[in-house]
Amino acid sequence: MLLLSLVISALGLILVCFVILYSLNKKISHGEAKIQKQLTDTLQQNSILRSEVAEMRAGMLSIGKRLVAVEQRNQELAQQQDAQKYDDPDAKIYSRAVKMVELGADIEEIIRECELPRAEAELLMSLHNQKGR
């Protein structure tokens, strides 16, 4: 009789353990499914982000090429402008006059050295004085 009650108690305990194991297995399976869905979503987002980065990289390369072309064109124009400045004899005179004004020459000296009319020499002096403020 004692043996029978021990066997029944053991069977009951085994049954309770199976129920607990079954519920734990169900929770683990549910957790796995949830994690699997999160992983799938994350992989999908990763794929989308990779394609967006690739598009941005292509756009940046295109902008970089355009920028290089614009910088080259700008450099060419600056060189052309410098060349024109030195080709024009009047520009040399005015450049010299501006340099003299910057070095502190008076109007009479600028008129005499650069052969400028008084009005132009006064204008250069006036412009220089406005810049200095």
Protein backbone atom coordinates (compact mmCIF):
# COMPACT_ATOMS: atom_id res chain seq x y z
CA MET A 1 0.00 0.00 0.00
CA LEU A 2 2.77 2.34 0.84
CA LEU A 3 4.44 1.38 -2.39
CA LEU A 4 1.26 2.11 -4.29
CA SER A 5 0.88 5.55 -2.72
CA LEU A 6 4.53 6.31 -3.48
CA VAL A 7 4.04 5.27 -7.12
CA ILE A 8 0.90 7.42 -7.38
CA SER A 9 2.71 10.38 -5.79
CA ALA A 10 5.65 9.90 -8.16
CA LEU A 11 3.28 9.73 -11.15
CA GLY A 12 1.55 12.89 -9.95
CA LEU A 13 4.89 14.62 -9.56
CA ILE A 14 5.95 13.47 -13.02
CA LEU A 15 2.67 14.78 -14.45
CA VAL A 16 3.20 18.16 -12.78
CA CYS A 17 6.76 18.26 -14.18
CA PHE A 18 5.46 17.48 -17.67
CA VAL A 19 2.88 20.27 -17.41
CA ILE A 20 5.57 22.70 -16.27
CA LEU A 21 7.93 21.57 -19.04
CA TYR A 22 5.12 21.87 -21.62
CA SER A 23 4.29 25.44 -20.56
CA LEU A 24 8.00 26.39 -20.53
CA ASN A 25 8.45 24.87 -23.99
CA LYS A 26 5.43 26.83 -25.23
CA LYS A 27 6.89 30.08 -23.82
CA ILE A 28 10.28 29.36 -25.36
CA SER A 29 8.68 28.59 -28.74
CA HIS A 30 6.68 31.83 -28.55
CA GLY A 31 9.88 33.74 -27.65
CA GLU A 32 11.75 32.11 -30.53
CA ALA A 33 9.02 33.08 -32.98
CA LYS A 34 9.08 36.64 -31.69
CA ILE A 35 12.88 36.83 -31.98
CA GLN A 36 12.73 35.29 -35.46
CA LYS A 37 10.26 37.99 -36.57
CA GLN A 38 12.47 40.72 -35.10
CA LEU A 39 15.47 39.25 -36.90
CA THR A 40 13.57 39.18 -40.18
CA ASP A 41 12.45 42.80 -39.71
CA THR A 42 15.99 43.86 -38.81
CA LEU A 43 17.45 42.14 -41.86
CA GLN A 44 14.87 43.84 -44.07
CA GLN A 45 15.69 47.25 -42.57
CA ASN A 46 19.39 46.53 -43.01
CA SER A 47 18.82 45.76 -46.68
CA ILE A 48 16.85 48.97 -47.16
CA LEU A 49 19.52 51.03 -45.41
CA ARG A 50 22.28 49.45 -47.49
CA SER A 51 20.48 50.39 -50.71
CA GLU A 52 19.93 53.94 -49.45
CA VAL A 53 23.61 54.26 -48.56
CA ALA A 54 24.54 52.99 -52.03
CA GLU A 55 22.26 55.62 -53.60
CA MET A 56 23.76 58.35 -51.42
CA ARG A 57 27.28 57.22 -52.30
CA ALA A 58 26.45 57.38 -56.01
CA GLY A 59 24.95 60.84 -55.55
CA MET A 60 27.99 62.04 -53.61
CA LEU A 61 30.31 60.77 -56.34
CA SER A 62 28.27 62.63 -58.94
CA ILE A 63 28.37 65.82 -56.87
CA GLY A 64 32.11 65.37 -56.35
CA LYS A 65 32.71 65.09 -60.09
CA ARG A 66 30.63 68.20 -60.72
CA LEU A 67 32.51 70.07 -57.99
CA VAL A 68 35.86 69.16 -59.51
CA ALA A 69 34.65 70.36 -62.92
CA VAL A 70 33.40 73.64 -61.44
CA GLU A 71 36.68 74.17 -59.56
CA GLN A 72 38.65 73.56 -62.76
CA ARG A 73 36.45 76.01 -64.65
CA ASN A 74 36.82 78.55 -61.86
CA GLN A 75 40.59 78.17 -61.96
CA GLU A 76 40.61 78.61 -65.75
CA LEU A 77 38.50 81.77 -65.46
CA ALA A 78 40.76 83.16 -62.75
CA GLN A 79 43.79 82.55 -64.95
CA GLN A 80 42.08 84.22 -67.90
CA GLN A 81 41.14 87.17 -65.70
CA ASP A 82 44.73 87.49 -64.45
CA ALA A 83 46.02 87.31 -68.02
CA GLN A 84 43.64 90.07 -69.12
CA LYS A 85 44.66 92.23 -66.19
CA TYR A 86 48.28 92.12 -67.30
CA ASP A 87 47.43 92.63 -70.99
CA ASP A 88 45.62 95.90 -70.35
CA PRO A 89 48.15 98.76 -69.94
CA ASP A 90 45.55 100.93 -68.16
CA ALA A 91 45.04 98.19 -65.59
CA LYS A 92 48.77 98.29 -64.81
CA ILE A 93 48.56 102.00 -64.18
CA TYR A 94 45.57 101.63 -61.88
CA SER A 95 47.17 98.68 -60.07
CA ARG A 96 50.26 100.79 -59.49
CA ALA A 97 48.14 103.73 -58.32
CA VAL A 98 46.22 101.52 -55.87
CA LYS A 99 49.51 100.14 -54.54
CA MET A 100 50.82 103.67 -54.05
CA VAL A 101 47.62 104.65 -52.18
CA GLU A 102 47.99 101.60 -49.95
CA LEU A 103 51.60 102.56 -49.23
CA GLY A 104 50.48 106.06 -48.22
CA ALA A 105 51.40 108.19 -51.22
CA ASP A 106 49.68 111.58 -51.51
CA ILE A 107 47.45 112.66 -54.41
CA GLU A 108 50.10 114.81 -56.10
CA GLU A 109 52.59 111.94 -56.17
CA ILE A 110 49.98 109.53 -57.62
CA ILE A 111 49.00 112.07 -60.32
CA ARG A 112 52.64 112.64 -61.24
CA GLU A 113 53.85 109.00 -61.19
CA CYS A 114 50.79 107.33 -62.76
CA GLU A 115 49.72 110.18 -65.01
CA LEU A 116 46.14 110.01 -63.76
CA PRO A 117 43.64 112.86 -63.82
CA ARG A 118 43.08 114.47 -60.42
CA ALA A 119 39.47 113.20 -60.25
CA GLU A 120 40.58 109.59 -60.69
CA ALA A 121 43.35 109.92 -58.13
CA GLU A 122 40.89 111.46 -55.64
CA LEU A 123 38.43 108.63 -56.32
CA LEU A 124 41.14 106.03 -55.60
CA MET A 125 42.04 107.79 -52.35
CA SER A 126 38.37 108.01 -51.36
CA LEU A 127 37.79 104.31 -52.05
CA HIS A 128 40.89 103.38 -50.08
CA ASN A 129 39.79 105.51 -47.13
CA GLN A 130 36.35 103.83 -47.15
CA LYS A 131 37.95 100.36 -47.10
CA GLY A 132 40.13 101.34 -44.17
CA ARG A 133 37.17 102.16 -41.93
